[in-house]
Amino acid sequence: RGTDENAVKRILDVFPKPYRPSGGE
């Protein structure tokens, strides 16, 4: 909530790594 839709879409493209996305994400 409150996050730009494009920012959420960028998370979808990420391959998980130890520090990316963040722990909360």
PDBML (XML) file of the C-alpha atoms, coordinates in Angstrom:
<?xml version="1.0" encoding="UTF-8" ?>
<PDBx:datablock datablockName="MODEL"
   xmlns:PDBx="http://pdbml.pdb.org/schema/pdbx-v50.xsd"
   xmlns:xsi="http://www.w3.org/2001/XMLSchema-instance"
   xsi:schemaLocation="http://pdbml.pdb.org/schema/pdbx-v50.xsd pdbx-v50.xsd">
   <PDBx:atom_siteCategory>
      <PDBx:atom_site id="1">
         <PDBx:B_iso_or_equiv>0.00</PDBx:B_iso_or_equiv>
         <PDBx:Cartn_x>0.000</PDBx:Cartn_x>
         <PDBx:Cartn_y>0.000</PDBx:Cartn_y>
         <PDBx:Cartn_z>0.000</PDBx:Cartn_z>
         <PDBx:auth_asym_id>A</PDBx:auth_asym_id>
         <PDBx:auth_atom_id>CA</PDBx:auth_atom_id>
         <PDBx:auth_comp_id>ARG</PDBx:auth_comp_id>
         <PDBx:auth_seq_id>1</PDBx:auth_seq_id>
         <PDBx:group_PDB>ATOM</PDBx:group_PDB>
         <PDBx:label_alt_id xsi:nil="true" />
         <PDBx:label_asym_id>A</PDBx:label_asym_id>
         <PDBx:label_atom_id>CA</PDBx:label_atom_id>
         <PDBx:label_comp_id>ARG</PDBx:label_comp_id>
         <PDBx:label_entity_id>1</PDBx:label_entity_id>
         <PDBx:label_seq_id>1</PDBx:label_seq_id>
         <PDBx:occupancy>1.00</PDBx:occupancy>
         <PDBx:pdbx_PDB_model_num>1</PDBx:pdbx_PDB_model_num>
         <PDBx:type_symbol>C</PDBx:type_symbol>
      </PDBx:atom_site>
      <PDBx:atom_site id="2">
         <PDBx:B_iso_or_equiv>0.00</PDBx:B_iso_or_equiv>
         <PDBx:Cartn_x>1.230</PDBx:Cartn_x>
         <PDBx:Cartn_y>3.469</PDBx:Cartn_y>
         <PDBx:Cartn_z>-0.916</PDBx:Cartn_z>
         <PDBx:auth_asym_id>A</PDBx:auth_asym_id>
         <PDBx:auth_atom_id>CA</PDBx:auth_atom_id>
         <PDBx:auth_comp_id>GLY</PDBx:auth_comp_id>
         <PDBx:auth_seq_id>2</PDBx:auth_seq_id>
         <PDBx:group_PDB>ATOM</PDBx:group_PDB>
         <PDBx:label_alt_id xsi:nil="true" />
         <PDBx:label_asym_id>A</PDBx:label_asym_id>
         <PDBx:label_atom_id>CA</PDBx:label_atom_id>
         <PDBx:label_comp_id>GLY</PDBx:label_comp_id>
         <PDBx:label_entity_id>1</PDBx:label_entity_id>
         <PDBx:label_seq_id>2</PDBx:label_seq_id>
         <PDBx:occupancy>1.00</PDBx:occupancy>
         <PDBx:pdbx_PDB_model_num>1</PDBx:pdbx_PDB_model_num>
         <PDBx:type_symbol>C</PDBx:type_symbol>
      </PDBx:atom_site>
      <PDBx:atom_site id="3">
         <PDBx:B_iso_or_equiv>0.00</PDBx:B_iso_or_equiv>
         <PDBx:Cartn_x>3.929</PDBx:Cartn_x>
         <PDBx:Cartn_y>2.082</PDBx:Cartn_y>
         <PDBx:Cartn_z>-3.231</PDBx:Cartn_z>
         <PDBx:auth_asym_id>A</PDBx:auth_asym_id>
         <PDBx:auth_atom_id>CA</PDBx:auth_atom_id>
         <PDBx:auth_comp_id>THR</PDBx:auth_comp_id>
         <PDBx:auth_seq_id>3</PDBx:auth_seq_id>
         <PDBx:group_PDB>ATOM</PDBx:group_PDB>
         <PDBx:label_alt_id xsi:nil="true" />
         <PDBx:label_asym_id>A</PDBx:label_asym_id>
         <PDBx:label_atom_id>CA</PDBx:label_atom_id>
         <PDBx:label_comp_id>THR</PDBx:label_comp_id>
         <PDBx:label_entity_id>1</PDBx:label_entity_id>
         <PDBx:label_seq_id>3</PDBx:label_seq_id>
         <PDBx:occupancy>1.00</PDBx:occupancy>
         <PDBx:pdbx_PDB_model_num>1</PDBx:pdbx_PDB_model_num>
         <PDBx:type_symbol>C</PDBx:type_symbol>
      </PDBx:atom_site>
      <PDBx:atom_site id="4">
         <PDBx:B_iso_or_equiv>0.00</PDBx:B_iso_or_equiv>
         <PDBx:Cartn_x>4.065</PDBx:Cartn_x>
         <PDBx:Cartn_y>3.101</PDBx:Cartn_y>
         <PDBx:Cartn_z>-6.874</PDBx:Cartn_z>
         <PDBx:auth_asym_id>A</PDBx:auth_asym_id>
         <PDBx:auth_atom_id>CA</PDBx:auth_atom_id>
         <PDBx:auth_comp_id>ASP</PDBx:auth_comp_id>
         <PDBx:auth_seq_id>4</PDBx:auth_seq_id>
         <PDBx:group_PDB>ATOM</PDBx:group_PDB>
         <PDBx:label_alt_id xsi:nil="true" />
         <PDBx:label_asym_id>A</PDBx:label_asym_id>
         <PDBx:label_atom_id>CA</PDBx:label_atom_id>
         <PDBx:label_comp_id>ASP</PDBx:label_comp_id>
         <PDBx:label_entity_id>1</PDBx:label_entity_id>
         <PDBx:label_seq_id>4</PDBx:label_seq_id>
         <PDBx:occupancy>1.00</PDBx:occupancy>
         <PDBx:pdbx_PDB_model_num>1</PDBx:pdbx_PDB_model_num>
         <PDBx:type_symbol>C</PDBx:type_symbol>
      </PDBx:atom_site>
      <PDBx:atom_site id="5">
         <PDBx:B_iso_or_equiv>0.00</PDBx:B_iso_or_equiv>
         <PDBx:Cartn_x>2.740</PDBx:Cartn_x>
         <PDBx:Cartn_y>0.354</PDBx:Cartn_y>
         <PDBx:Cartn_z>-9.176</PDBx:Cartn_z>
         <PDBx:auth_asym_id>A</PDBx:auth_asym_id>
         <PDBx:auth_atom_id>CA</PDBx:auth_atom_id>
         <PDBx:auth_comp_id>GLU</PDBx:auth_comp_id>
         <PDBx:auth_seq_id>5</PDBx:auth_seq_id>
         <PDBx:group_PDB>ATOM</PDBx:group_PDB>
         <PDBx:label_alt_id xsi:nil="true" />
         <PDBx:label_asym_id>A</PDBx:label_asym_id>
         <PDBx:label_atom_id>CA</PDBx:label_atom_id>
         <PDBx:label_comp_id>GLU</PDBx:label_comp_id>
         <PDBx:label_entity_id>1</PDBx:label_entity_id>
         <PDBx:label_seq_id>5</PDBx:label_seq_id>
         <PDBx:occupancy>1.00</PDBx:occupancy>
         <PDBx:pdbx_PDB_model_num>1</PDBx:pdbx_PDB_model_num>
         <PDBx:type_symbol>C</PDBx:type_symbol>
      </PDBx:atom_site>
      <PDBx:atom_site id="6">
         <PDBx:B_iso_or_equiv>0.00</PDBx:B_iso_or_equiv>
         <PDBx:Cartn_x>5.926</PDBx:Cartn_x>
         <PDBx:Cartn_y>0.484</PDBx:Cartn_y>
         <PDBx:Cartn_z>-11.251</PDBx:Cartn_z>
         <PDBx:auth_asym_id>A</PDBx:auth_asym_id>
         <PDBx:auth_atom_id>CA</PDBx:auth_atom_id>
         <PDBx:auth_comp_id>ASN</PDBx:auth_comp_id>
         <PDBx:auth_seq_id>6</PDBx:auth_seq_id>
         <PDBx:group_PDB>ATOM</PDBx:group_PDB>
         <PDBx:label_alt_id xsi:nil="true" />
         <PDBx:label_asym_id>A</PDBx:label_asym_id>
         <PDBx:label_atom_id>CA</PDBx:label_atom_id>
         <PDBx:label_comp_id>ASN</PDBx:label_comp_id>
         <PDBx:label_entity_id>1</PDBx:label_entity_id>
         <PDBx:label_seq_id>6</PDBx:label_seq_id>
         <PDBx:occupancy>1.00</PDBx:occupancy>
         <PDBx:pdbx_PDB_model_num>1</PDBx:pdbx_PDB_model_num>
         <PDBx:type_symbol>C</PDBx:type_symbol>
      </PDBx:atom_site>
      <PDBx:atom_site id="7">
         <PDBx:B_iso_or_equiv>0.00</PDBx:B_iso_or_equiv>
         <PDBx:Cartn_x>8.012</PDBx:Cartn_x>
         <PDBx:Cartn_y>-0.117</PDBx:Cartn_y>
         <PDBx:Cartn_z>-8.113</PDBx:Cartn_z>
         <PDBx:auth_asym_id>A</PDBx:auth_asym_id>
         <PDBx:auth_atom_id>CA</PDBx:auth_atom_id>
         <PDBx:auth_comp_id>ALA</PDBx:auth_comp_id>
         <PDBx:auth_seq_id>7</PDBx:auth_seq_id>
         <PDBx:group_PDB>ATOM</PDBx:group_PDB>
         <PDBx:label_alt_id xsi:nil="true" />
         <PDBx:label_asym_id>A</PDBx:label_asym_id>
         <PDBx:label_atom_id>CA</PDBx:label_atom_id>
         <PDBx:label_comp_id>ALA</PDBx:label_comp_id>
         <PDBx:label_entity_id>1</PDBx:label_entity_id>
         <PDBx:label_seq_id>7</PDBx:label_seq_id>
         <PDBx:occupancy>1.00</PDBx:occupancy>
         <PDBx:pdbx_PDB_model_num>1</PDBx:pdbx_PDB_model_num>
         <PDBx:type_symbol>C</PDBx:type_symbol>
      </PDBx:atom_site>
      <PDBx:atom_site id="8">
         <PDBx:B_iso_or_equiv>0.00</PDBx:B_iso_or_equiv>
         <PDBx:Cartn_x>6.010</PDBx:Cartn_x>
         <PDBx:Cartn_y>-3.268</PDBx:Cartn_y>
         <PDBx:Cartn_z>-7.421</PDBx:Cartn_z>
         <PDBx:auth_asym_id>A</PDBx:auth_asym_id>
         <PDBx:auth_atom_id>CA</PDBx:auth_atom_id>
         <PDBx:auth_comp_id>VAL</PDBx:auth_comp_id>
         <PDBx:auth_seq_id>8</PDBx:auth_seq_id>
         <PDBx:group_PDB>ATOM</PDBx:group_PDB>
         <PDBx:label_alt_id xsi:nil="true" />
         <PDBx:label_asym_id>A</PDBx:label_asym_id>
         <PDBx:label_atom_id>CA</PDBx:label_atom_id>
         <PDBx:label_comp_id>VAL</PDBx:label_comp_id>
         <PDBx:label_entity_id>1</PDBx:label_entity_id>
         <PDBx:label_seq_id>8</PDBx:label_seq_id>
         <PDBx:occupancy>1.00</PDBx:occupancy>
         <PDBx:pdbx_PDB_model_num>1</PDBx:pdbx_PDB_model_num>
         <PDBx:type_symbol>C</PDBx:type_symbol>
      </PDBx:atom_site>
      <PDBx:atom_site id="9">
         <PDBx:B_iso_or_equiv>0.00</PDBx:B_iso_or_equiv>
         <PDBx:Cartn_x>6.500</PDBx:Cartn_x>
         <PDBx:Cartn_y>-4.404</PDBx:Cartn_y>
         <PDBx:Cartn_z>-11.022</PDBx:Cartn_z>
         <PDBx:auth_asym_id>A</PDBx:auth_asym_id>
         <PDBx:auth_atom_id>CA</PDBx:auth_atom_id>
         <PDBx:auth_comp_id>LYS</PDBx:auth_comp_id>
         <PDBx:auth_seq_id>9</PDBx:auth_seq_id>
         <PDBx:group_PDB>ATOM</PDBx:group_PDB>
         <PDBx:label_alt_id xsi:nil="true" />
         <PDBx:label_asym_id>A</PDBx:label_asym_id>
         <PDBx:label_atom_id>CA</PDBx:label_atom_id>
         <PDBx:label_comp_id>LYS</PDBx:label_comp_id>
         <PDBx:label_entity_id>1</PDBx:label_entity_id>
         <PDBx:label_seq_id>9</PDBx:label_seq_id>
         <PDBx:occupancy>1.00</PDBx:occupancy>
         <PDBx:pdbx_PDB_model_num>1</PDBx:pdbx_PDB_model_num>
         <PDBx:type_symbol>C</PDBx:type_symbol>
      </PDBx:atom_site>
      <PDBx:atom_site id="10">
         <PDBx:B_iso_or_equiv>0.00</PDBx:B_iso_or_equiv>
         <PDBx:Cartn_x>10.258</PDBx:Cartn_x>
         <PDBx:Cartn_y>-3.966</PDBx:Cartn_y>
         <PDBx:Cartn_z>-10.641</PDBx:Cartn_z>
         <PDBx:auth_asym_id>A</PDBx:auth_asym_id>
         <PDBx:auth_atom_id>CA</PDBx:auth_atom_id>
         <PDBx:auth_comp_id>ARG</PDBx:auth_comp_id>
         <PDBx:auth_seq_id>10</PDBx:auth_seq_id>
         <PDBx:group_PDB>ATOM</PDBx:group_PDB>
         <PDBx:label_alt_id xsi:nil="true" />
         <PDBx:label_asym_id>A</PDBx:label_asym_id>
         <PDBx:label_atom_id>CA</PDBx:label_atom_id>
         <PDBx:label_comp_id>ARG</PDBx:label_comp_id>
         <PDBx:label_entity_id>1</PDBx:label_entity_id>
         <PDBx:label_seq_id>10</PDBx:label_seq_id>
         <PDBx:occupancy>1.00</PDBx:occupancy>
         <PDBx:pdbx_PDB_model_num>1</PDBx:pdbx_PDB_model_num>
         <PDBx:type_symbol>C</PDBx:type_symbol>
      </PDBx:atom_site>
      <PDBx:atom_site id="11">
         <PDBx:B_iso_or_equiv>0.00</PDBx:B_iso_or_equiv>
         <PDBx:Cartn_x>10.200</PDBx:Cartn_x>
         <PDBx:Cartn_y>-6.325</PDBx:Cartn_y>
         <PDBx:Cartn_z>-7.642</PDBx:Cartn_z>
         <PDBx:auth_asym_id>A</PDBx:auth_asym_id>
         <PDBx:auth_atom_id>CA</PDBx:auth_atom_id>
         <PDBx:auth_comp_id>ILE</PDBx:auth_comp_id>
         <PDBx:auth_seq_id>11</PDBx:auth_seq_id>
         <PDBx:group_PDB>ATOM</PDBx:group_PDB>
         <PDBx:label_alt_id xsi:nil="true" />
         <PDBx:label_asym_id>A</PDBx:label_asym_id>
         <PDBx:label_atom_id>CA</PDBx:label_atom_id>
         <PDBx:label_comp_id>ILE</PDBx:label_comp_id>
         <PDBx:label_entity_id>1</PDBx:label_entity_id>
         <PDBx:label_seq_id>11</PDBx:label_seq_id>
         <PDBx:occupancy>1.00</PDBx:occupancy>
         <PDBx:pdbx_PDB_model_num>1</PDBx:pdbx_PDB_model_num>
         <PDBx:type_symbol>C</PDBx:type_symbol>
      </PDBx:atom_site>
      <PDBx:atom_site id="12">
         <PDBx:B_iso_or_equiv>0.00</PDBx:B_iso_or_equiv>
         <PDBx:Cartn_x>8.524</PDBx:Cartn_x>
         <PDBx:Cartn_y>-8.972</PDBx:Cartn_y>
         <PDBx:Cartn_z>-9.832</PDBx:Cartn_z>
         <PDBx:auth_asym_id>A</PDBx:auth_asym_id>
         <PDBx:auth_atom_id>CA</PDBx:auth_atom_id>
         <PDBx:auth_comp_id>LEU</PDBx:auth_comp_id>
         <PDBx:auth_seq_id>12</PDBx:auth_seq_id>
         <PDBx:group_PDB>ATOM</PDBx:group_PDB>
         <PDBx:label_alt_id xsi:nil="true" />
         <PDBx:label_asym_id>A</PDBx:label_asym_id>
         <PDBx:label_atom_id>CA</PDBx:label_atom_id>
         <PDBx:label_comp_id>LEU</PDBx:label_comp_id>
         <PDBx:label_entity_id>1</PDBx:label_entity_id>
         <PDBx:label_seq_id>12</PDBx:label_seq_id>
         <PDBx:occupancy>1.00</PDBx:occupancy>
         <PDBx:pdbx_PDB_model_num>1</PDBx:pdbx_PDB_model_num>
         <PDBx:type_symbol>C</PDBx:type_symbol>
      </PDBx:atom_site>
      <PDBx:atom_site id="13">
         <PDBx:B_iso_or_equiv>0.00</PDBx:B_iso_or_equiv>
         <PDBx:Cartn_x>11.555</PDBx:Cartn_x>
         <PDBx:Cartn_y>-8.999</PDBx:Cartn_y>
         <PDBx:Cartn_z>-12.148</PDBx:Cartn_z>
         <PDBx:auth_asym_id>A</PDBx:auth_asym_id>
         <PDBx:auth_atom_id>CA</PDBx:auth_atom_id>
         <PDBx:auth_comp_id>ASP</PDBx:auth_comp_id>
         <PDBx:auth_seq_id>13</PDBx:auth_seq_id>
         <PDBx:group_PDB>ATOM</PDBx:group_PDB>
         <PDBx:label_alt_id xsi:nil="true" />
         <PDBx:label_asym_id>A</PDBx:label_asym_id>
         <PDBx:label_atom_id>CA</PDBx:label_atom_id>
         <PDBx:label_comp_id>ASP</PDBx:label_comp_id>
         <PDBx:label_entity_id>1</PDBx:label_entity_id>
         <PDBx:label_seq_id>13</PDBx:label_seq_id>
         <PDBx:occupancy>1.00</PDBx:occupancy>
         <PDBx:pdbx_PDB_model_num>1</PDBx:pdbx_PDB_model_num>
         <PDBx:type_symbol>C</PDBx:type_symbol>
      </PDBx:atom_site>
      <PDBx:atom_site id="14">
         <PDBx:B_iso_or_equiv>0.00</PDBx:B_iso_or_equiv>
         <PDBx:Cartn_x>14.053</PDBx:Cartn_x>
         <PDBx:Cartn_y>-9.624</PDBx:Cartn_y>
         <PDBx:Cartn_z>-9.334</PDBx:Cartn_z>
         <PDBx:auth_asym_id>A</PDBx:auth_asym_id>
         <PDBx:auth_atom_id>CA</PDBx:auth_atom_id>
         <PDBx:auth_comp_id>VAL</PDBx:auth_comp_id>
         <PDBx:auth_seq_id>14</PDBx:auth_seq_id>
         <PDBx:group_PDB>ATOM</PDBx:group_PDB>
         <PDBx:label_alt_id xsi:nil="true" />
         <PDBx:label_asym_id>A</PDBx:label_asym_id>
         <PDBx:label_atom_id>CA</PDBx:label_atom_id>
         <PDBx:label_comp_id>VAL</PDBx:label_comp_id>
         <PDBx:label_entity_id>1</PDBx:label_entity_id>
         <PDBx:label_seq_id>14</PDBx:label_seq_id>
         <PDBx:occupancy>1.00</PDBx:occupancy>
         <PDBx:pdbx_PDB_model_num>1</PDBx:pdbx_PDB_model_num>
         <PDBx:type_symbol>C</PDBx:type_symbol>
      </PDBx:atom_site>
      <PDBx:atom_site id="15">
         <PDBx:B_iso_or_equiv>0.00</PDBx:B_iso_or_equiv>
         <PDBx:Cartn_x>15.860</PDBx:Cartn_x>
         <PDBx:Cartn_y>-12.941</PDBx:Cartn_y>
         <PDBx:Cartn_z>-8.851</PDBx:Cartn_z>
         <PDBx:auth_asym_id>A</PDBx:auth_asym_id>
         <PDBx:auth_atom_id>CA</PDBx:auth_atom_id>
         <PDBx:auth_comp_id>PHE</PDBx:auth_comp_id>
         <PDBx:auth_seq_id>15</PDBx:auth_seq_id>
         <PDBx:group_PDB>ATOM</PDBx:group_PDB>
         <PDBx:label_alt_id xsi:nil="true" />
         <PDBx:label_asym_id>A</PDBx:label_asym_id>
         <PDBx:label_atom_id>CA</PDBx:label_atom_id>
         <PDBx:label_comp_id>PHE</PDBx:label_comp_id>
         <PDBx:label_entity_id>1</PDBx:label_entity_id>
         <PDBx:label_seq_id>15</PDBx:label_seq_id>
         <PDBx:occupancy>1.00</PDBx:occupancy>
         <PDBx:pdbx_PDB_model_num>1</PDBx:pdbx_PDB_model_num>
         <PDBx:type_symbol>C</PDBx:type_symbol>
      </PDBx:atom_site>
      <PDBx:atom_site id="16">
         <PDBx:B_iso_or_equiv>0.00</PDBx:B_iso_or_equiv>
         <PDBx:Cartn_x>16.015</PDBx:Cartn_x>
         <PDBx:Cartn_y>-13.366</PDBx:Cartn_y>
         <PDBx:Cartn_z>-5.044</PDBx:Cartn_z>
         <PDBx:auth_asym_id>A</PDBx:auth_asym_id>
         <PDBx:auth_atom_id>CA</PDBx:auth_atom_id>
         <PDBx:auth_comp_id>PRO</PDBx:auth_comp_id>
         <PDBx:auth_seq_id>16</PDBx:auth_seq_id>
         <PDBx:group_PDB>ATOM</PDBx:group_PDB>
         <PDBx:label_alt_id xsi:nil="true" />
         <PDBx:label_asym_id>A</PDBx:label_asym_id>
         <PDBx:label_atom_id>CA</PDBx:label_atom_id>
         <PDBx:label_comp_id>PRO</PDBx:label_comp_id>
         <PDBx:label_entity_id>1</PDBx:label_entity_id>
         <PDBx:label_seq_id>16</PDBx:label_seq_id>
         <PDBx:occupancy>1.00</PDBx:occupancy>
         <PDBx:pdbx_PDB_model_num>1</PDBx:pdbx_PDB_model_num>
         <PDBx:type_symbol>C</PDBx:type_symbol>
      </PDBx:atom_site>
      <PDBx:atom_site id="17">
         <PDBx:B_iso_or_equiv>0.00</PDBx:B_iso_or_equiv>
         <PDBx:Cartn_x>19.388</PDBx:Cartn_x>
         <PDBx:Cartn_y>-12.786</PDBx:Cartn_y>
         <PDBx:Cartn_z>-3.421</PDBx:Cartn_z>
         <PDBx:auth_asym_id>A</PDBx:auth_asym_id>
         <PDBx:auth_atom_id>CA</PDBx:auth_atom_id>
         <PDBx:auth_comp_id>LYS</PDBx:auth_comp_id>
         <PDBx:auth_seq_id>17</PDBx:auth_seq_id>
         <PDBx:group_PDB>ATOM</PDBx:group_PDB>
         <PDBx:label_alt_id xsi:nil="true" />
         <PDBx:label_asym_id>A</PDBx:label_asym_id>
         <PDBx:label_atom_id>CA</PDBx:label_atom_id>
         <PDBx:label_comp_id>LYS</PDBx:label_comp_id>
         <PDBx:label_entity_id>1</PDBx:label_entity_id>
         <PDBx:label_seq_id>17</PDBx:label_seq_id>
         <PDBx:occupancy>1.00</PDBx:occupancy>
         <PDBx:pdbx_PDB_model_num>1</PDBx:pdbx_PDB_model_num>
         <PDBx:type_symbol>C</PDBx:type_symbol>
      </PDBx:atom_site>
      <PDBx:atom_site id="18">
         <PDBx:B_iso_or_equiv>0.00</PDBx:B_iso_or_equiv>
         <PDBx:Cartn_x>20.376</PDBx:Cartn_x>
         <PDBx:Cartn_y>-12.586</PDBx:Cartn_y>
         <PDBx:Cartn_z>0.269</PDBx:Cartn_z>
         <PDBx:auth_asym_id>A</PDBx:auth_asym_id>
         <PDBx:auth_atom_id>CA</PDBx:auth_atom_id>
         <PDBx:auth_comp_id>PRO</PDBx:auth_comp_id>
         <PDBx:auth_seq_id>18</PDBx:auth_seq_id>
         <PDBx:group_PDB>ATOM</PDBx:group_PDB>
         <PDBx:label_alt_id xsi:nil="true" />
         <PDBx:label_asym_id>A</PDBx:label_asym_id>
         <PDBx:label_atom_id>CA</PDBx:label_atom_id>
         <PDBx:label_comp_id>PRO</PDBx:label_comp_id>
         <PDBx:label_entity_id>1</PDBx:label_entity_id>
         <PDBx:label_seq_id>18</PDBx:label_seq_id>
         <PDBx:occupancy>1.00</PDBx:occupancy>
         <PDBx:pdbx_PDB_model_num>1</PDBx:pdbx_PDB_model_num>
         <PDBx:type_symbol>C</PDBx:type_symbol>
      </PDBx:atom_site>
      <PDBx:atom_site id="19">
         <PDBx:B_iso_or_equiv>0.00</PDBx:B_iso_or_equiv>
         <PDBx:Cartn_x>19.784</PDBx:Cartn_x>
         <PDBx:Cartn_y>-8.837</PDBx:Cartn_y>
         <PDBx:Cartn_z>0.437</PDBx:Cartn_z>
         <PDBx:auth_asym_id>A</PDBx:auth_asym_id>
         <PDBx:auth_atom_id>CA</PDBx:auth_atom_id>
         <PDBx:auth_comp_id>TYR</PDBx:auth_comp_id>
         <PDBx:auth_seq_id>19</PDBx:auth_seq_id>
         <PDBx:group_PDB>ATOM</PDBx:group_PDB>
         <PDBx:label_alt_id xsi:nil="true" />
         <PDBx:label_asym_id>A</PDBx:label_asym_id>
         <PDBx:label_atom_id>CA</PDBx:label_atom_id>
         <PDBx:label_comp_id>TYR</PDBx:label_comp_id>
         <PDBx:label_entity_id>1</PDBx:label_entity_id>
         <PDBx:label_seq_id>19</PDBx:label_seq_id>
         <PDBx:occupancy>1.00</PDBx:occupancy>
         <PDBx:pdbx_PDB_model_num>1</PDBx:pdbx_PDB_model_num>
         <PDBx:type_symbol>C</PDBx:type_symbol>
      </PDBx:atom_site>
      <PDBx:atom_site id="20">
         <PDBx:B_iso_or_equiv>0.00</PDBx:B_iso_or_equiv>
         <PDBx:Cartn_x>17.458</PDBx:Cartn_x>
         <PDBx:Cartn_y>-8.279</PDBx:Cartn_y>
         <PDBx:Cartn_z>-2.509</PDBx:Cartn_z>
         <PDBx:auth_asym_id>A</PDBx:auth_asym_id>
         <PDBx:auth_atom_id>CA</PDBx:auth_atom_id>
         <PDBx:auth_comp_id>ARG</PDBx:auth_comp_id>
         <PDBx:auth_seq_id>20</PDBx:auth_seq_id>
         <PDBx:group_PDB>ATOM</PDBx:group_PDB>
         <PDBx:label_alt_id xsi:nil="true" />
         <PDBx:label_asym_id>A</PDBx:label_asym_id>
         <PDBx:label_atom_id>CA</PDBx:label_atom_id>
         <PDBx:label_comp_id>ARG</PDBx:label_comp_id>
         <PDBx:label_entity_id>1</PDBx:label_entity_id>
         <PDBx:label_seq_id>20</PDBx:label_seq_id>
         <PDBx:occupancy>1.00</PDBx:occupancy>
         <PDBx:pdbx_PDB_model_num>1</PDBx:pdbx_PDB_model_num>
         <PDBx:type_symbol>C</PDBx:type_symbol>
      </PDBx:atom_site>
      <PDBx:atom_site id="21">
         <PDBx:B_iso_or_equiv>0.00</PDBx:B_iso_or_equiv>
         <PDBx:Cartn_x>14.539</PDBx:Cartn_x>
         <PDBx:Cartn_y>-7.914</PDBx:Cartn_y>
         <PDBx:Cartn_z>-2.198</PDBx:Cartn_z>
         <PDBx:auth_asym_id>A</PDBx:auth_asym_id>
         <PDBx:auth_atom_id>CA</PDBx:auth_atom_id>
         <PDBx:auth_comp_id>PRO</PDBx:auth_comp_id>
         <PDBx:auth_seq_id>21</PDBx:auth_seq_id>
         <PDBx:group_PDB>ATOM</PDBx:group_PDB>
         <PDBx:label_alt_id xsi:nil="true" />
         <PDBx:label_asym_id>A</PDBx:label_asym_id>
         <PDBx:label_atom_id>CA</PDBx:label_atom_id>
         <PDBx:label_comp_id>PRO</PDBx:label_comp_id>
         <PDBx:label_entity_id>1</PDBx:label_entity_id>
         <PDBx:label_seq_id>21</PDBx:label_seq_id>
         <PDBx:occupancy>1.00</PDBx:occupancy>
         <PDBx:pdbx_PDB_model_num>1</PDBx:pdbx_PDB_model_num>
         <PDBx:type_symbol>C</PDBx:type_symbol>
      </PDBx:atom_site>
      <PDBx:atom_site id="22">
         <PDBx:B_iso_or_equiv>0.00</PDBx:B_iso_or_equiv>
         <PDBx:Cartn_x>14.692</PDBx:Cartn_x>
         <PDBx:Cartn_y>-6.706</PDBx:Cartn_y>
         <PDBx:Cartn_z>1.396</PDBx:Cartn_z>
         <PDBx:auth_asym_id>A</PDBx:auth_asym_id>
         <PDBx:auth_atom_id>CA</PDBx:auth_atom_id>
         <PDBx:auth_comp_id>SER</PDBx:auth_comp_id>
         <PDBx:auth_seq_id>22</PDBx:auth_seq_id>
         <PDBx:group_PDB>ATOM</PDBx:group_PDB>
         <PDBx:label_alt_id xsi:nil="true" />
         <PDBx:label_asym_id>A</PDBx:label_asym_id>
         <PDBx:label_atom_id>CA</PDBx:label_atom_id>
         <PDBx:label_comp_id>SER</PDBx:label_comp_id>
         <PDBx:label_entity_id>1</PDBx:label_entity_id>
         <PDBx:label_seq_id>22</PDBx:label_seq_id>
         <PDBx:occupancy>1.00</PDBx:occupancy>
         <PDBx:pdbx_PDB_model_num>1</PDBx:pdbx_PDB_model_num>
         <PDBx:type_symbol>C</PDBx:type_symbol>
      </PDBx:atom_site>
      <PDBx:atom_site id="23">
         <PDBx:B_iso_or_equiv>0.00</PDBx:B_iso_or_equiv>
         <PDBx:Cartn_x>13.622</PDBx:Cartn_x>
         <PDBx:Cartn_y>-8.974</PDBx:Cartn_y>
         <PDBx:Cartn_z>4.266</PDBx:Cartn_z>
         <PDBx:auth_asym_id>A</PDBx:auth_asym_id>
         <PDBx:auth_atom_id>CA</PDBx:auth_atom_id>
         <PDBx:auth_comp_id>GLY</PDBx:auth_comp_id>
         <PDBx:auth_seq_id>23</PDBx:auth_seq_id>
         <PDBx:group_PDB>ATOM</PDBx:group_PDB>
         <PDBx:label_alt_id xsi:nil="true" />
         <PDBx:label_asym_id>A</PDBx:label_asym_id>
         <PDBx:label_atom_id>CA</PDBx:label_atom_id>
         <PDBx:label_comp_id>GLY</PDBx:label_comp_id>
         <PDBx:label_entity_id>1</PDBx:label_entity_id>
         <PDBx:label_seq_id>23</PDBx:label_seq_id>
         <PDBx:occupancy>1.00</PDBx:occupancy>
         <PDBx:pdbx_PDB_model_num>1</PDBx:pdbx_PDB_model_num>
         <PDBx:type_symbol>C</PDBx:type_symbol>
      </PDBx:atom_site>
      <PDBx:atom_site id="24">
         <PDBx:B_iso_or_equiv>0.00</PDBx:B_iso_or_equiv>
         <PDBx:Cartn_x>10.302</PDBx:Cartn_x>
         <PDBx:Cartn_y>-7.177</PDBx:Cartn_y>
         <PDBx:Cartn_z>4.595</PDBx:Cartn_z>
         <PDBx:auth_asym_id>A</PDBx:auth_asym_id>
         <PDBx:auth_atom_id>CA</PDBx:auth_atom_id>
         <PDBx:auth_comp_id>GLY</PDBx:auth_comp_id>
         <PDBx:auth_seq_id>24</PDBx:auth_seq_id>
         <PDBx:group_PDB>ATOM</PDBx:group_PDB>
         <PDBx:label_alt_id xsi:nil="true" />
         <PDBx:label_asym_id>A</PDBx:label_asym_id>
         <PDBx:label_atom_id>CA</PDBx:label_atom_id>
         <PDBx:label_comp_id>GLY</PDBx:label_comp_id>
         <PDBx:label_entity_id>1</PDBx:label_entity_id>
         <PDBx:label_seq_id>24</PDBx:label_seq_id>
         <PDBx:occupancy>1.00</PDBx:occupancy>
         <PDBx:pdbx_PDB_model_num>1</PDBx:pdbx_PDB_model_num>
         <PDBx:type_symbol>C</PDBx:type_symbol>
      </PDBx:atom_site>
      <PDBx:atom_site id="25">
         <PDBx:B_iso_or_equiv>0.00</PDBx:B_iso_or_equiv>
         <PDBx:Cartn_x>9.636</PDBx:Cartn_x>
         <PDBx:Cartn_y>-7.431</PDBx:Cartn_y>
         <PDBx:Cartn_z>0.839</PDBx:Cartn_z>
         <PDBx:auth_asym_id>A</PDBx:auth_asym_id>
         <PDBx:auth_atom_id>CA</PDBx:auth_atom_id>
         <PDBx:auth_comp_id>GLU</PDBx:auth_comp_id>
         <PDBx:auth_seq_id>25</PDBx:auth_seq_id>
         <PDBx:group_PDB>ATOM</PDBx:group_PDB>
         <PDBx:label_alt_id xsi:nil="true" />
         <PDBx:label_asym_id>A</PDBx:label_asym_id>
         <PDBx:label_atom_id>CA</PDBx:label_atom_id>
         <PDBx:label_comp_id>GLU</PDBx:label_comp_id>
         <PDBx:label_entity_id>1</PDBx:label_entity_id>
         <PDBx:label_seq_id>25</PDBx:label_seq_id>
         <PDBx:occupancy>1.00</PDBx:occupancy>
         <PDBx:pdbx_PDB_model_num>1</PDBx:pdbx_PDB_model_num>
         <PDBx:type_symbol>C</PDBx:type_symbol>
      </PDBx:atom_site>
   </PDBx:atom_siteCategory>
</PDBx:datablock>
